N, C-alpha and C. Protein backbone atom coordinates (compact mmCIF):
# COMPACT_ATOMS: atom_id res chain seq x y z
N MET A 1 92.30 67.22 142.23
CA MET A 1 92.49 67.68 140.76
C MET A 1 92.17 68.91 140.29
N ILE A 2 91.66 69.87 141.29
CA ILE A 2 91.96 71.13 141.65
C ILE A 2 92.52 72.20 142.63
N ASN A 3 93.54 72.76 141.87
CA ASN A 3 94.90 73.39 142.63
C ASN A 3 94.55 74.56 142.76
N GLY A 4 95.15 75.30 143.64
CA GLY A 4 95.23 76.52 144.25
C GLY A 4 94.18 76.20 145.22
N SER A 5 93.00 77.77 145.63
CA SER A 5 92.43 77.70 146.65
C SER A 5 90.94 77.63 146.39
N THR A 6 90.57 76.56 144.78
CA THR A 6 89.25 76.68 144.43
C THR A 6 88.67 75.60 145.01
N LYS A 7 87.67 75.54 146.17
CA LYS A 7 86.95 74.13 146.45
C LYS A 7 85.57 74.46 145.53
N LEU A 8 85.31 73.44 145.38
CA LEU A 8 83.91 73.04 144.93
C LEU A 8 83.19 72.44 145.92
N ALA A 9 82.18 72.13 145.02
CA ALA A 9 81.46 71.26 146.00
C ALA A 9 81.09 69.64 145.26
N THR A 10 80.75 68.96 146.20
CA THR A 10 80.82 67.05 145.83
C THR A 10 80.53 67.20 144.51
N PRO A 11 79.56 67.36 144.79
CA PRO A 11 78.66 67.60 143.25
C PRO A 11 78.98 67.86 141.84
N LEU A 12 80.07 68.82 142.07
CA LEU A 12 80.48 69.70 140.90
C LEU A 12 81.48 68.74 140.42
N GLN A 13 82.70 68.80 141.54
CA GLN A 13 83.81 67.74 141.49
C GLN A 13 83.33 66.33 140.69
N THR A 14 82.00 66.03 141.17
CA THR A 14 81.76 64.59 140.48
C THR A 14 81.55 64.77 138.70
N LEU A 15 80.84 65.86 138.59
CA LEU A 15 80.71 66.07 137.26
C LEU A 15 82.05 66.73 136.41
N ILE A 16 82.78 67.27 137.56
CA ILE A 16 84.12 67.84 136.74
C ILE A 16 85.22 66.16 136.40
N ASP A 17 84.86 65.37 136.89
CA ASP A 17 85.74 64.86 136.84
C ASP A 17 85.04 63.21 136.06
N ARG A 18 83.88 63.37 135.86
CA ARG A 18 83.30 62.57 134.88
C ARG A 18 83.70 63.21 133.39
N ALA A 19 83.39 64.29 133.66
CA ALA A 19 83.41 65.06 132.21
C ALA A 19 84.77 65.11 131.64
N LEU A 20 86.19 65.01 132.82
CA LEU A 20 87.23 65.10 131.94
C LEU A 20 87.75 63.31 131.60
N ALA A 21 86.92 62.53 132.58
CA ALA A 21 87.35 61.30 131.89
C ALA A 21 86.55 60.90 130.86
N LEU A 22 85.33 61.36 130.08
CA LEU A 22 84.95 61.16 128.92
C LEU A 22 85.72 61.72 128.12
N CYS A 23 86.37 62.89 128.46
CA CYS A 23 86.83 64.26 127.33
C CYS A 23 88.29 62.77 126.95
N GLU A 24 88.67 62.17 127.97
CA GLU A 24 89.82 61.34 127.85
C GLU A 24 89.66 60.26 127.14
N LEU A 25 88.63 59.87 126.70
CA LEU A 25 88.38 58.81 126.13
C LEU A 25 87.57 59.36 124.82
N MET A 26 87.18 60.91 124.32
CA MET A 26 87.19 60.74 123.25
C MET A 26 88.22 61.40 122.45
N LEU A 27 89.33 61.74 122.90
CA LEU A 27 90.38 62.80 122.25
C LEU A 27 90.84 61.91 121.54
N PRO A 28 91.68 61.08 121.79
CA PRO A 28 92.11 60.27 120.83
C PRO A 28 91.78 59.97 119.66
N HIS A 29 90.09 59.79 119.79
CA HIS A 29 89.39 59.91 118.00
C HIS A 29 88.86 61.07 117.99
N CYS A 30 89.32 61.84 118.34
CA CYS A 30 88.73 63.58 117.32
C CYS A 30 89.97 63.92 117.63
N ASN A 31 89.85 65.43 117.13
CA ASN A 31 90.66 66.57 116.58
C ASN A 31 90.19 67.54 117.57
N ALA A 32 89.08 67.56 118.67
CA ALA A 32 88.53 68.46 119.61
C ALA A 32 86.97 67.84 120.12
N ILE A 33 87.09 68.44 120.95
CA ILE A 33 85.65 67.52 121.71
C ILE A 33 84.06 68.75 121.39
N TYR A 34 83.55 67.90 121.13
CA TYR A 34 82.43 67.87 120.73
C TYR A 34 81.48 68.48 122.14
N PRO A 35 81.08 69.84 122.34
CA PRO A 35 80.26 70.35 123.08
C PRO A 35 79.18 69.18 123.72
N PHE A 36 79.10 69.78 125.39
CA PHE A 36 78.70 69.14 125.61
C PHE A 36 78.45 69.21 127.21
N ALA A 37 77.22 68.80 127.67
CA ALA A 37 76.87 69.14 129.44
C ALA A 37 76.36 68.24 130.53
N ALA A 38 76.45 68.37 131.77
CA ALA A 38 75.71 67.40 132.27
C ALA A 38 75.53 67.88 133.55
N VAL A 39 74.73 67.48 134.05
CA VAL A 39 73.78 67.63 135.33
C VAL A 39 73.83 66.76 136.80
N TYR A 40 73.81 67.60 137.89
CA TYR A 40 73.83 66.55 138.80
C TYR A 40 72.57 66.53 139.43
N ASN A 41 71.56 66.11 139.57
CA ASN A 41 70.35 66.21 140.41
C ASN A 41 70.21 64.91 141.28
N ASP A 42 69.59 65.22 142.36
CA ASP A 42 69.21 64.10 143.60
C ASP A 42 70.06 63.01 142.80
N GLY A 43 71.52 62.92 143.24
CA GLY A 43 72.21 62.35 143.09
C GLY A 43 72.87 61.48 141.36
N GLU A 44 71.87 62.01 140.96
CA GLU A 44 71.94 61.38 139.78
C GLU A 44 72.63 62.23 138.71
N VAL A 45 73.41 61.78 137.81
CA VAL A 45 74.36 62.69 136.55
C VAL A 45 73.29 62.18 135.36
N ASP A 46 73.39 63.08 134.46
CA ASP A 46 72.64 63.40 133.29
C ASP A 46 73.60 63.75 132.06
N CYS A 47 74.06 63.26 131.11
CA CYS A 47 74.55 64.19 130.44
C CYS A 47 73.71 64.55 128.95
N LEU A 48 73.75 65.98 128.88
CA LEU A 48 72.96 66.37 127.70
C LEU A 48 74.57 66.48 126.24
N PHE A 49 73.03 66.39 125.22
CA PHE A 49 74.25 66.95 124.32
C PHE A 49 73.34 67.70 122.80
N ALA A 50 74.20 68.88 122.39
CA ALA A 50 73.23 69.52 121.64
C ALA A 50 72.97 68.59 119.96
N GLU A 51 71.24 69.40 119.91
CA GLU A 51 70.92 68.71 118.38
C GLU A 51 72.10 69.41 117.63
N ASP A 52 72.83 68.77 116.43
CA ASP A 52 73.33 69.69 115.27
C ASP A 52 72.83 69.18 113.93
N THR A 53 71.27 68.93 114.03
CA THR A 53 70.58 68.66 113.01
C THR A 53 70.52 69.90 112.39
N LEU A 54 70.21 71.27 112.58
CA LEU A 54 69.97 72.28 112.16
C LEU A 54 70.86 72.89 110.90
N SER A 55 70.81 73.60 110.08
CA SER A 55 71.29 74.04 108.94
C SER A 55 72.73 75.05 109.82
N VAL A 56 72.35 75.11 110.86
CA VAL A 56 73.43 76.10 111.92
C VAL A 56 74.04 75.81 112.52
N ASN A 57 75.29 74.86 112.52
CA ASN A 57 75.49 74.42 113.31
C ASN A 57 77.19 74.76 113.54
N ASN A 58 77.41 75.69 113.80
CA ASN A 58 78.75 76.19 114.81
C ASN A 58 79.03 76.00 116.14
N GLU A 59 79.66 76.03 116.77
CA GLU A 59 79.99 75.60 117.99
C GLU A 59 79.54 76.09 119.26
N SER A 60 79.23 77.88 118.75
CA SER A 60 78.85 78.73 119.52
C SER A 60 77.79 78.65 119.77
N TYR A 61 76.45 78.02 118.15
CA TYR A 61 75.28 77.69 118.44
C TYR A 61 75.23 76.78 119.14
N LEU A 62 75.89 75.66 118.87
CA LEU A 62 75.76 74.31 120.62
C LEU A 62 76.01 74.87 121.33
N ILE A 63 77.51 75.23 122.05
CA ILE A 63 77.15 76.00 123.39
C ILE A 63 75.55 76.35 124.02
N GLU A 64 75.43 77.72 123.33
CA GLU A 64 74.87 78.14 123.34
C GLU A 64 72.97 77.40 123.74
N GLN A 65 72.83 76.47 122.78
CA GLN A 65 71.83 75.48 122.23
C GLN A 65 71.61 74.30 124.24
N LEU A 66 73.37 74.32 124.67
CA LEU A 66 74.01 73.31 125.69
C LEU A 66 72.98 74.37 127.13
N GLN A 67 73.26 75.46 126.47
CA GLN A 67 73.27 76.19 127.89
C GLN A 67 71.47 76.67 128.32
N TRP A 68 71.03 76.69 127.28
CA TRP A 68 69.11 76.74 127.44
C TRP A 68 68.98 75.58 127.91
N ARG A 69 69.58 74.04 127.39
CA ARG A 69 69.16 72.87 128.11
C ARG A 69 69.28 72.95 129.47
N ILE A 70 70.83 73.67 129.96
CA ILE A 70 70.80 73.14 131.50
C ILE A 70 69.94 73.69 132.08
N ILE A 71 69.41 75.45 131.75
CA ILE A 71 68.53 76.12 132.21
C ILE A 71 67.61 75.74 132.22
N ASP A 72 66.60 74.53 131.34
CA ASP A 72 65.68 74.02 131.18
C ASP A 72 65.76 72.72 132.33
N THR A 73 66.85 72.12 132.46
CA THR A 73 66.95 70.84 133.40
C THR A 73 67.33 71.17 135.09
N THR A 74 67.51 72.35 135.49
CA THR A 74 68.11 72.94 136.52
C THR A 74 66.82 73.86 137.30
N THR A 75 66.29 73.94 136.13
CA THR A 75 65.00 75.53 136.68
C THR A 75 64.35 74.61 137.93
N ASP A 76 64.09 75.09 138.93
CA ASP A 76 63.84 74.81 140.29
C ASP A 76 64.05 73.47 140.80
N THR A 77 65.20 73.13 140.75
CA THR A 77 65.93 72.49 141.52
C THR A 77 66.87 72.69 142.27
N ASN A 78 67.83 71.80 142.45
CA ASN A 78 68.97 72.10 143.37
C ASN A 78 70.17 71.57 142.51
N GLY A 79 70.07 71.28 141.15
CA GLY A 79 70.83 71.01 140.19
C GLY A 79 72.01 71.90 140.45
N TYR A 80 73.04 70.85 139.94
CA TYR A 80 74.81 71.26 139.64
C TYR A 80 75.41 71.48 137.89
N SER A 81 75.70 71.87 137.41
CA SER A 81 75.75 71.24 136.21
C SER A 81 77.55 72.13 135.83
N VAL A 82 77.56 71.42 134.45
CA VAL A 82 78.92 71.76 134.10
C VAL A 82 78.66 71.80 132.21
N LEU A 83 79.47 72.48 131.42
CA LEU A 83 79.36 72.51 130.40
C LEU A 83 80.63 72.58 129.93
N VAL A 84 80.84 71.56 129.18
CA VAL A 84 82.07 71.42 128.21
C VAL A 84 82.43 71.66 127.15
N TYR A 85 83.29 71.98 126.94
CA TYR A 85 83.23 72.35 125.37
C TYR A 85 84.86 72.53 125.21
N ALA A 86 85.69 72.73 123.91
CA ALA A 86 87.33 72.89 123.28
C ALA A 86 87.60 74.45 123.82
N ALA A 87 88.85 74.39 123.60
CA ALA A 87 89.18 76.12 123.59
C ALA A 87 90.74 75.73 123.84
N THR A 88 91.12 77.48 123.21
CA THR A 88 92.71 77.47 123.08
C THR A 88 93.20 78.04 123.89
N VAL A 89 94.12 77.90 124.65
CA VAL A 89 94.91 78.91 125.31
C VAL A 89 96.11 79.27 124.70
N GLN A 90 96.25 80.81 125.28
CA GLN A 90 97.58 81.18 125.00
C GLN A 90 98.93 81.53 125.82
N THR A 91 99.84 81.13 126.08
CA THR A 91 100.84 80.79 127.39
C THR A 91 101.40 82.60 127.39
N GLU A 92 101.87 82.76 128.06
CA GLU A 92 102.84 84.00 128.64
C GLU A 92 103.68 84.03 127.38
N HIS A 93 104.24 82.81 126.81
CA HIS A 93 105.23 82.97 125.66
C HIS A 93 104.59 82.55 123.96
N LEU A 94 103.61 83.12 123.86
CA LEU A 94 102.39 83.14 122.89
C LEU A 94 102.80 81.70 122.65
N LYS A 95 102.71 80.40 123.09
CA LYS A 95 102.45 79.21 122.69
C LYS A 95 100.77 78.75 122.99
N LYS A 96 100.51 78.23 121.71
CA LYS A 96 98.91 78.01 121.80
C LYS A 96 98.95 76.88 122.29
N LEU A 97 98.08 76.60 123.54
CA LEU A 97 97.44 74.97 123.73
C LEU A 97 96.22 74.57 123.76
N ASP A 98 95.96 73.37 123.38
CA ASP A 98 94.51 72.79 123.42
C ASP A 98 93.99 72.87 124.64
N ALA A 99 92.88 73.20 124.95
CA ALA A 99 91.93 73.04 126.84
C ALA A 99 90.78 72.18 126.16
N ILE A 100 90.70 71.91 127.89
CA ILE A 100 89.23 71.84 127.82
C ILE A 100 88.47 72.76 128.80
N ALA A 101 87.93 73.51 128.36
CA ALA A 101 86.80 74.25 129.21
C ALA A 101 85.81 73.84 129.57
N ILE A 102 85.40 74.08 131.18
CA ILE A 102 84.13 73.31 131.75
C ILE A 102 83.80 74.66 132.57
N THR A 103 82.88 75.44 132.54
CA THR A 103 81.51 76.04 132.86
C THR A 103 81.38 75.31 134.31
N ALA A 104 81.56 75.62 135.60
CA ALA A 104 80.64 75.12 136.42
C ALA A 104 79.58 75.63 137.53
N THR A 105 78.56 75.29 137.64
CA THR A 105 77.58 76.06 138.19
C THR A 105 76.95 75.57 139.23
N ALA A 106 76.68 75.87 140.55
CA ALA A 106 76.37 75.88 141.75
C ALA A 106 74.68 76.57 141.55
N PRO A 107 73.82 75.76 142.21
CA PRO A 107 72.54 75.55 141.98
C PRO A 107 72.09 77.34 142.83
N ASN A 108 72.79 78.36 143.26
CA ASN A 108 72.79 79.66 143.81
C ASN A 108 72.92 80.41 142.18
N GLY A 109 73.35 79.69 141.41
CA GLY A 109 73.38 80.59 139.84
C GLY A 109 75.60 80.43 139.99
N GLU A 110 76.09 80.83 141.13
CA GLU A 110 77.28 80.78 141.24
C GLU A 110 78.43 80.22 140.20
N GLU A 111 79.23 80.47 139.01
CA GLU A 111 80.05 80.02 137.89
C GLU A 111 81.60 79.98 138.60
N THR A 112 82.22 79.01 137.99
CA THR A 112 83.14 78.83 138.00
C THR A 112 83.90 78.26 136.58
N MET A 113 84.70 79.04 136.09
CA MET A 113 84.92 78.92 135.32
C MET A 113 86.97 77.95 134.97
N LEU A 114 86.58 76.84 134.90
CA LEU A 114 87.92 76.03 134.68
C LEU A 114 88.83 75.78 132.90
N LEU A 115 89.50 75.91 132.95
CA LEU A 115 90.59 75.66 131.49
C LEU A 115 91.55 74.68 132.19
N TYR A 116 91.50 73.28 131.25
CA TYR A 116 92.55 72.09 131.46
C TYR A 116 93.26 72.17 130.50
N PRO A 117 94.53 72.47 130.27
CA PRO A 117 95.02 72.38 128.78
C PRO A 117 95.78 70.71 128.83
N TYR A 118 95.49 70.35 127.58
CA TYR A 118 95.87 68.84 127.55
C TYR A 118 96.73 68.30 126.39
N PHE A 119 97.60 66.99 126.70
CA PHE A 119 98.57 66.99 125.60
C PHE A 119 98.30 66.03 124.88
N ARG A 120 99.01 65.73 123.94
CA ARG A 120 98.73 64.02 122.80
C ARG A 120 100.17 64.07 123.20
N ILE A 121 100.09 62.59 123.99
CA ILE A 121 101.45 61.64 123.88
C ILE A 121 100.93 59.90 123.02
N ASN A 122 101.06 60.13 121.98
CA ASN A 122 101.35 59.08 120.85
C ASN A 122 99.69 59.05 121.01
N LYS A 123 99.04 57.89 121.76
CA LYS A 123 97.44 57.41 121.26
C LYS A 123 97.21 58.45 122.71
N LYS A 124 97.68 58.74 123.76
CA LYS A 124 97.13 59.06 125.02
C LYS A 124 96.99 60.35 125.14
N ILE A 125 96.29 60.80 126.20
CA ILE A 125 95.50 62.06 126.27
C ILE A 125 95.99 62.39 127.34
N VAL A 126 96.78 63.58 128.02
CA VAL A 126 97.22 63.79 128.86
C VAL A 126 96.85 65.10 129.68
N VAL A 127 95.92 65.42 130.68
CA VAL A 127 95.34 66.81 131.09
C VAL A 127 95.81 66.46 132.05
N SER A 128 96.28 68.64 132.09
CA SER A 128 97.04 68.53 133.03
C SER A 128 96.00 69.33 134.35
N PRO A 129 95.91 69.74 135.36
CA PRO A 129 95.53 70.84 136.29
C PRO A 129 95.09 71.95 135.71
N PRO A 130 93.91 72.53 136.03
CA PRO A 130 93.10 73.55 135.37
C PRO A 130 93.90 74.95 135.76
N LEU A 131 93.99 76.00 134.81
CA LEU A 131 95.06 77.18 134.83
C LEU A 131 93.35 77.72 135.82
N ASN A 132 94.74 78.77 136.56
CA ASN A 132 93.86 79.53 137.52
C ASN A 132 93.22 80.81 136.68
N THR A 133 91.95 80.78 136.29
CA THR A 133 91.55 82.13 135.56
C THR A 133 90.81 82.96 136.38
C-alpha cells in the first residue's frame, strides 16, 4: 500500500489499512471525513473520536482534541497511533483533489505524513496510493 521507500512498522501499517477501510465505508455517505484517530497498544486497536458538543466545532479544533487524546492514550506505552482527517491537495496543473490525510506516529515520536487522494466513481470510493510528502 505504501509506495516509494517508505517502510512502516507492522502496527502502523495495520492502523493505516484499517483507517483507510473505515474511510472507504464512510465516504459514500458523507462529503468529507470526520476526523478520528486510532491507537495500537499491545496488539489491540482502539478508535478515538473527538467530542463536538462544544460551541467551538471546527475541524482544526477537533484535530487538536484528538492529538491530546492520542497523547493521553499513548503516554508511557509502546503505542502507535494514526490521526486521520480530510485534506485537499493541489496538483502541478492546479487541479484540486480530495484526500485522506494520515499522520502516523511510532512510540519513539517519529511521525510520517501520508496523503491518499481519493475519487468518487458512482457510489464507490477509490483510494489512490499515497503521495510522497
